[in-house]
C-alpha atoms as a PDB file:
ATOM      1  CA  MET A   1     -96.702  46.928 -68.805  1.00  0.00           C
ATOM      2  CA  SER A   2     -94.550  49.820 -70.013  1.00  0.00           C
ATOM      3  CA  VAL A   3     -93.947  52.924 -67.954  1.00  0.00           C
ATOM      4  CA  GLU A   4     -93.469  56.319 -69.547  1.00  0.00           C
ATOM      5  CA  LEU A   5     -90.650  58.103 -67.751  1.00  0.00           C
ATOM      6  CA  ARG A   6     -90.812  61.793 -67.021  1.00  0.00           C
ATOM      7  CA  PRO A   7     -88.395  63.859 -69.109  1.00  0.00           C
ATOM      8  CA  ALA A   8     -84.888  64.283 -67.771  1.00  0.00           C
ATOM      9  CA  ARG A   9     -84.681  67.439 -65.682  1.00  0.00           C
ATOM     10  CA  PRO A  10     -82.804  70.248 -67.444  1.00  0.00           C
ATOM     11  CA  VAL A  11     -80.267  72.136 -65.336  1.00  0.00           C
ATOM     12  CA  ALA A  12     -77.642  74.754 -66.076  1.00  0.00           C
ATOM     13  CA  HIS A  13     -75.516  74.306 -69.189  1.00  0.00           C
ATOM     14  CA  ALA A  14     -72.458  74.765 -66.973  1.00  0.00           C
ATOM     15  CA  LEU A  15     -73.348  71.677 -64.906  1.00  0.00           C
ATOM     16  CA  GLY A  16     -73.928  69.323 -67.831  1.00  0.00           C
ATOM     17  CA  GLY A  17     -77.506  70.151 -68.780  1.00  0.00           C
ATOM     18  CA  ARG A  18     -79.271  67.420 -66.793  1.00  0.00           C
ATOM     19  CA  LEU A  19     -79.616  66.715 -63.077  1.00  0.00           C
ATOM     20  CA  SER A  20     -77.899  63.317 -63.121  1.00  0.00           C
ATOM     21  CA  LEU A  21     -74.982  64.780 -65.083  1.00  0.00           C
ATOM     22  CA  ALA A  22     -74.732  67.621 -62.576  1.00  0.00           C
ATOM     23  CA  LEU A  23     -74.269  65.045 -59.817  1.00  0.00           C
ATOM     24  CA  VAL A  24     -71.565  63.256 -61.820  1.00  0.00           C
ATOM     25  CA  ASN A  25     -69.846  66.570 -62.486  1.00  0.00           C
ATOM     26  CA  SER A  26     -69.611  67.372 -58.774  1.00  0.00           C
ATOM     27  CA  VAL A  27     -66.039  66.072 -59.040  1.00  0.00           C
ATOM     28  CA  LEU A  28     -63.873  68.592 -60.892  1.00  0.00           C
ATOM     29  CA  TRP A  29     -60.825  67.628 -62.971  1.00  0.00           C
ATOM     30  CA  ARG A  30     -61.526  63.907 -62.572  1.00  0.00           C
ATOM     31  CA  ARG A  31     -58.614  62.860 -64.756  1.00  0.00           C
ATOM     32  CA  SER A  32     -56.034  64.929 -62.902  1.00  0.00           C
ATOM     33  CA  ALA A  33     -53.788  63.772 -60.078  1.00  0.00           C
ATOM     34  CA  ASP A  34     -55.773  65.986 -57.700  1.00  0.00           C
ATOM     35  CA  PRO A  35     -59.492  65.913 -58.513  1.00  0.00           C
ATOM     36  CA  ILE A  36     -61.659  68.348 -56.553  1.00  0.00           C
ATOM     37  CA  GLU A  37     -64.569  66.906 -54.565  1.00  0.00           C
ATOM     38  CA  ARG A  38     -67.464  69.340 -54.179  1.00  0.00           C
ATOM     39  CA  ILE A  39     -69.579  67.116 -51.922  1.00  0.00           C
ATOM     40  CA  GLY A  40     -67.902  66.663 -48.564  1.00  0.00           C
ATOM     41  CA  ASP A  41     -70.909  65.782 -46.426  1.00  0.00           C
ATOM     42  CA  TYR A  42     -74.648  65.215 -46.654  1.00  0.00           C
ATOM     43  CA  HIS A  43     -75.506  68.901 -46.295  1.00  0.00           C
ATOM     44  CA  ALA A  44     -73.204  69.660 -49.227  1.00  0.00           C
ATOM     45  CA  LEU A  45     -74.952  66.957 -51.282  1.00  0.00           C
ATOM     46  CA  ALA A  46     -78.415  68.367 -50.590  1.00  0.00           C
ATOM     47  CA  GLY A  47     -77.257  71.944 -51.168  1.00  0.00           C
ATOM     48  CA  TYR A  48     -75.537  71.026 -54.419  1.00  0.00           C
ATOM     49  CA  LEU A  49     -78.655  69.320 -55.764  1.00  0.00           C
ATOM     50  CA  ARG A  50     -80.777  72.314 -54.736  1.00  0.00           C
ATOM     51  CA  ASP A  51     -78.399  74.714 -56.480  1.00  0.00           C
ATOM     52  CA  ALA A  52     -78.474  72.489 -59.560  1.00  0.00           C
ATOM     53  CA  GLY A  53     -82.272  72.628 -59.649  1.00  0.00           C
ATOM     54  CA  GLY A  54     -83.011  69.150 -58.361  1.00  0.00           C
ATOM     55  CA  LEU A  55     -84.564  70.135 -55.030  1.00  0.00           C
ATOM     56  CA  ASP A  56     -86.722  73.044 -53.967  1.00  0.00           C
ATOM     57  CA  ASP A  57     -86.128  75.019 -50.790  1.00  0.00           C
ATOM     58  CA  ALA A  58     -88.745  73.103 -48.812  1.00  0.00           C
ATOM     59  CA  ALA A  59     -87.201  69.755 -49.738  1.00  0.00           C
ATOM     60  CA  LEU A  60     -83.738  71.050 -48.887  1.00  0.00           C
ATOM     61  CA  ALA A  61     -84.879  72.259 -45.457  1.00  0.00           C
ATOM     62  CA  ALA A  62     -86.529  68.908 -44.715  1.00  0.00           C
ATOM     63  CA  LEU A  63     -83.440  66.935 -45.736  1.00  0.00           C
ATOM     64  CA  GLU A  64     -81.089  69.156 -43.734  1.00  0.00           C
ATOM     65  CA  ALA A  65     -83.279  68.819 -40.642  1.00  0.00           C
ATOM     66  CA  GLU A  66     -83.368  65.025 -40.993  1.00  0.00           C
ATOM     67  CA  ALA A  67     -79.612  64.842 -41.590  1.00  0.00           C
ATOM     68  CA  THR A  68     -78.947  66.972 -38.505  1.00  0.00           C
ATOM     69  CA  ALA A  69     -81.226  64.786 -36.409  1.00  0.00           C
ATOM     70  CA  SER A  70     -79.586  61.544 -37.572  1.00  0.00           C
ATOM     71  CA  PRO A  71     -75.930  61.965 -38.626  1.00  0.00           C
ATOM     72  CA  PRO A  72     -75.238  58.196 -39.025  1.00  0.00           C
ATOM     73  CA  ALA A  73     -78.200  57.801 -41.370  1.00  0.00           C
ATOM     74  CA  ALA A  74     -77.077  60.886 -43.304  1.00  0.00           C
ATOM     75  CA  ARG A  75     -73.573  59.470 -43.732  1.00  0.00           C
ATOM     76  CA  THR A  76     -75.006  56.190 -45.019  1.00  0.00           C
ATOM     77  CA  ALA A  77     -77.288  58.015 -47.472  1.00  0.00           C
ATOM     78  CA  LEU A  78     -74.332  60.107 -48.621  1.00  0.00           C
ATOM     79  CA  GLU A  79     -72.286  56.972 -49.279  1.00  0.00           C
ATOM     80  CA  ARG A  80     -75.116  55.515 -51.353  1.00  0.00           C
ATOM     81  CA  ALA A  81     -75.437  58.711 -53.390  1.00  0.00           C
ATOM     82  CA  LEU A  82     -71.693  58.905 -54.061  1.00  0.00           C
ATOM     83  CA  THR A  83     -71.561  55.222 -55.003  1.00  0.00           C
ATOM     84  CA  LEU A  84     -74.333  55.905 -57.509  1.00  0.00           C
ATOM     85  CA  ARG A  85     -72.446  58.960 -58.768  1.00  0.00           C
ATOM     86  CA  GLU A  86     -69.344  56.917 -59.564  1.00  0.00           C
ATOM     87  CA  ALA A  87     -71.401  54.218 -61.301  1.00  0.00           C
ATOM     88  CA  LEU A  88     -73.119  56.922 -63.370  1.00  0.00           C
ATOM     89  CA  PHE A  89     -69.773  58.436 -64.302  1.00  0.00           C
ATOM     90  CA  ARG A  90     -68.553  55.125 -65.692  1.00  0.00           C
ATOM     91  CA  LEU A  91     -71.892  54.335 -67.333  1.00  0.00           C
ATOM     92  CA  PHE A  92     -72.274  57.751 -68.982  1.00  0.00           C
ATOM     93  CA  SER A  93     -68.613  57.703 -70.046  1.00  0.00           C
ATOM     94  CA  ALA A  94     -69.163  54.401 -71.820  1.00  0.00           C
ATOM     95  CA  VAL A  95     -72.310  55.647 -73.556  1.00  0.00           C
ATOM     96  CA  ALA A  96     -70.555  58.852 -74.647  1.00  0.00           C
ATOM     97  CA  ALA A  97     -67.691  56.779 -76.064  1.00  0.00           C
ATOM     98  CA  GLY A  98     -70.069  54.419 -77.868  1.00  0.00           C
ATOM     99  CA  THR A  99     -68.915  51.382 -75.884  1.00  0.00           C
ATOM    100  CA  GLU A 100     -70.844  48.807 -73.879  1.00  0.00           C
ATOM    101  CA  PRO A 101     -71.405  49.908 -70.261  1.00  0.00           C
ATOM    102  CA  ASP A 102     -70.274  47.600 -67.483  1.00  0.00           C
ATOM    103  CA  GLY A 103     -73.175  45.470 -66.314  1.00  0.00           C
ATOM    104  CA  ALA A 104     -72.312  46.208 -62.685  1.00  0.00           C
ATOM    105  CA  ASP A 105     -72.826  49.933 -63.265  1.00  0.00           C
ATOM    106  CA  VAL A 106     -76.151  49.343 -64.993  1.00  0.00           C
ATOM    107  CA  ALA A 107     -77.191  47.130 -62.070  1.00  0.00           C
ATOM    108  CA  ALA A 108     -76.151  49.821 -59.573  1.00  0.00           C
ATOM    109  CA  LEU A 109     -78.383  52.367 -61.311  1.00  0.00           C
ATOM    110  CA  ASP A 110     -81.201  49.835 -61.524  1.00  0.00           C
ATOM    111  CA  ARG A 111     -81.041  49.128 -57.766  1.00  0.00           C
ATOM    112  CA  VAL A 112     -81.274  52.782 -56.797  1.00  0.00           C
ATOM    113  CA  PHE A 113     -83.974  53.479 -59.372  1.00  0.00           C
ATOM    114  CA  ARG A 114     -86.125  50.568 -58.164  1.00  0.00           C
ATOM    115  CA  ALA A 115     -85.550  51.530 -54.529  1.00  0.00           C
ATOM    116  CA  GLY A 116     -86.866  54.996 -55.321  1.00  0.00           C
ATOM    117  CA  LEU A 117     -89.911  53.641 -57.153  1.00  0.00           C
ATOM    118  CA  ARG A 118     -90.817  51.553 -54.102  1.00  0.00           C
ATOM    119  CA  GLN A 119     -90.912  54.721 -52.014  1.00  0.00           C
ATOM    120  CA  VAL A 120     -93.080  56.811 -54.335  1.00  0.00           C
ATOM    121  CA  ARG A 121     -96.277  58.064 -52.743  1.00  0.00           C
ATOM    122  CA  LEU A 122     -99.062  60.181 -54.194  1.00  0.00           C
ATOM    123  CA  SER A 123     -99.416  63.698 -52.850  1.00  0.00           C
ATOM    124  CA  VAL A 124    -101.460  66.722 -53.775  1.00  0.00           C
ATOM    125  CA  GLY A 125     -99.464  69.777 -54.793  1.00  0.00           C
ATOM    126  CA  ASP A 126    -100.333  73.322 -55.836  1.00  0.00           C
ATOM    127  CA  GLY A 127    -103.830  72.443 -56.957  1.00  0.00           C
ATOM    128  CA  ARG A 128    -102.491  70.334 -59.821  1.00  0.00           C
ATOM    129  CA  GLY A 129    -103.956  67.093 -58.546  1.00  0.00           C
ATOM    130  CA  PHE A 130    -102.052  64.032 -57.475  1.00  0.00           C
ATOM    131  CA  ARG A 131     -98.392  63.635 -58.268  1.00  0.00           C
ATOM    132  CA  PRO A 132     -95.729  61.136 -57.231  1.00  0.00           C
ATOM    133  CA  ALA A 133     -93.477  62.245 -54.412  1.00  0.00           C
ATOM    134  CA  TRP A 134     -91.042  60.767 -51.929  1.00  0.00           C
ATOM    135  CA  THR A 135     -89.319  61.790 -48.747  1.00  0.00           C
ATOM    136  CA  GLY A 136     -86.226  60.663 -46.860  1.00  0.00           C
ATOM    137  CA  LEU A 137     -82.473  61.057 -46.939  1.00  0.00           C
ATOM    138  CA  ASP A 138     -82.128  59.049 -50.154  1.00  0.00           C
ATOM    139  CA  VAL A 139     -84.177  61.559 -52.168  1.00  0.00           C
ATOM    140  CA  PRO A 140     -81.063  63.071 -53.845  1.00  0.00           C
ATOM    141  CA  ALA A 141     -79.946  59.630 -55.054  1.00  0.00           C
ATOM    142  CA  TRP A 142     -83.454  58.692 -56.187  1.00  0.00           C
ATOM    143  CA  GLU A 143     -83.854  61.960 -58.085  1.00  0.00           C
ATOM    144  CA  ALA A 144     -80.499  61.462 -59.803  1.00  0.00           C
ATOM    145  CA  ALA A 145     -81.290  57.836 -60.655  1.00  0.00           C
ATOM    146  CA  ALA A 146     -84.710  58.681 -62.110  1.00  0.00           C
ATOM    147  CA  ASP A 147     -83.117  61.436 -64.173  1.00  0.00           C
ATOM    148  CA  ALA A 148     -80.331  59.134 -65.381  1.00  0.00           C
ATOM    149  CA  VAL A 149     -82.850  56.533 -66.541  1.00  0.00           C
ATOM    150  CA  ALA A 150     -84.702  59.269 -68.427  1.00  0.00           C
ATOM    151  CA  VAL A 151     -81.445  60.507 -70.016  1.00  0.00           C
ATOM    152  CA  LEU A 152     -80.529  57.000 -71.130  1.00  0.00           C
ATOM    153  CA  GLY A 153     -84.034  55.887 -72.074  1.00  0.00           C
ATOM    154  CA  THR A 154     -85.222  58.751 -74.277  1.00  0.00           C
ATOM    155  CA  PRO A 155     -84.705  57.832 -77.957  1.00  0.00           C
ATOM    156  CA  ASP A 156     -84.660  61.418 -79.247  1.00  0.00           C
ATOM    157  CA  ALA A 157     -82.536  62.834 -76.422  1.00  0.00           C
ATOM    158  CA  PRO A 158     -79.551  65.050 -77.326  1.00  0.00           C
ATOM    159  CA  PRO A 159     -76.261  63.149 -77.666  1.00  0.00           C
ATOM    160  CA  LEU A 160     -74.258  62.509 -74.525  1.00  0.00           C
ATOM    161  CA  ARG A 161     -70.686  63.812 -74.712  1.00  0.00           C
ATOM    162  CA  GLN A 162     -67.575  63.740 -72.575  1.00  0.00           C
ATOM    163  CA  CYS A 163     -65.008  66.515 -72.590  1.00  0.00           C
ATOM    164  CA  PRO A 164     -61.736  65.191 -74.067  1.00  0.00           C
ATOM    165  CA  GLY A 165     -59.667  67.539 -71.927  1.00  0.00           C
ATOM    166  CA  GLU A 166     -56.605  65.751 -70.609  1.00  0.00           C
ATOM    167  CA  THR A 167     -57.542  66.273 -66.947  1.00  0.00           C
ATOM    168  CA  CYS A 168     -61.290  66.840 -67.325  1.00  0.00           C
ATOM    169  CA  GLY A 169     -63.799  64.084 -68.113  1.00  0.00           C
ATOM    170  CA  TRP A 170     -66.826  66.405 -67.757  1.00  0.00           C
ATOM    171  CA  LEU A 171     -70.075  64.910 -69.107  1.00  0.00           C
ATOM    172  CA  PHE A 172     -72.853  66.855 -70.794  1.00  0.00           C
ATOM    173  CA  VAL A 173     -75.750  66.640 -73.228  1.00  0.00           C
ATOM    174  CA  ASP A 174     -74.896  68.227 -76.566  1.00  0.00           C
ATOM    175  CA  GLU A 175     -77.744  70.615 -77.324  1.00  0.00           C
ATOM    176  CA  SER A 176     -75.799  72.677 -79.844  1.00  0.00           C
ATOM    177  CA  ARG A 177     -77.554  73.285 -83.143  1.00  0.00           C
ATOM    178  CA  ASN A 178     -75.500  70.770 -85.126  1.00  0.00           C
ATOM    179  CA  HIS A 179     -74.615  68.526 -82.176  1.00  0.00           C
ATOM    180  CA  SER A 180     -71.027  69.623 -82.623  1.00  0.00           C
ATOM    181  CA  ARG A 181     -70.129  70.645 -79.079  1.00  0.00           C
ATOM    182  CA  GLN A 182     -66.838  69.062 -78.047  1.00  0.00           C
ATOM    183  CA  TRP A 183     -65.616  70.735 -74.865  1.00  0.00           C
ATOM    184  CA  CYS A 184     -67.085  71.301 -71.428  1.00  0.00           C
ATOM    185  CA  ASP A 185     -66.126  74.934 -72.022  1.00  0.00           C
ATOM    186  CA  SER A 186     -64.179  76.077 -75.065  1.00  0.00           C
ATOM    187  CA  ARG A 187     -62.610  78.834 -72.955  1.00  0.00           C
ATOM    188  CA  MET A 188     -61.190  76.294 -70.514  1.00  0.00           C
ATOM    189  CA  CYS A 189     -60.351  72.851 -71.873  1.00  0.00           C
ATOM    190  CA  GLY A 190     -60.687  74.047 -75.463  1.00  0.00           C
ATOM    191  CA  ASN A 191     -58.178  76.843 -74.974  1.00  0.00           C
ATOM    192  CA  ARG A 192     -55.825  74.522 -73.079  1.00  0.00           C
ATOM    193  CA  ALA A 193     -55.881  71.993 -75.917  1.00  0.00           C
ATOM    194  CA  ARG A 194     -55.296  74.669 -78.553  1.00  0.00           C
ATOM    195  CA  ALA A 195     -52.421  76.130 -76.547  1.00  0.00           C
ATOM    196  CA  ARG A 196     -50.883  72.659 -76.118  1.00  0.00           C
ATOM    197  CA  ARG A 197     -51.121  71.935 -79.860  1.00  0.00           C
ATOM    198  CA  HIS A 198     -49.570  75.304 -80.654  1.00  0.00           C
ATOM    199  CA  TYR A 199     -46.719  74.635 -78.224  1.00  0.00           C
ATOM    200  CA  GLN A 200     -46.098  71.189 -79.710  1.00  0.00           C
ATOM    201  CA  LYS A 201     -46.031  72.628 -83.235  1.00  0.00           C
ATOM    202  CA  GLN A 202     -43.588  75.296 -82.119  1.00  0.00           C
ATOM    203  CA  ARG A 203     -41.300  72.681 -80.576  1.00  0.00           C
ATOM    204  CA  ALA A 204     -41.483  70.497 -83.677  1.00  0.00           C
ATOM    205  CA  ALA A 205     -40.683  73.468 -85.914  1.00  0.00           C
ATOM    206  CA  GLY A 206     -37.789  74.548 -83.678  1.00  0.00           C
END
């Protein structure tokens, strides 16, 4: 039996364009000596996913209440989500580079994805009939995993790219007209690269 996945969830261009990429990009300047972690605790994880468009306000409130009531469980769920994030970073990086992903990273995504599917329940929402839904502290990881599978499993999806900035590593879907986007932001990494090339040319000429 084949299962038709829902489309990957679009999010802001500045976060990578898809929910799973937004989670991966929650670490800034990954390739630098001092990367910046934007998710310091479970509440930050839930808030980040809400701001990215992956959770609505009601889901955020429910997760924050559950995390406050059970800090050990929240820490464990956070660890699972961050472990998934790092596996997705390596997996997406390999796909963007056109190389074979590590089987361990594919298996890590598969485990979280299947765990989420086992927790899906039907609920009625907004008069639109039944729809799959889930609850619990692992919802952020399950949402990201489902989105990642959709990103990787859609044949006509936009190309996946990785910013070549020396200290960056940002991942994004290339939805430019000619699929020619190269940088996370041409005003940031693009300008840095151009300035570095100019400096090197000046030194060589001098």
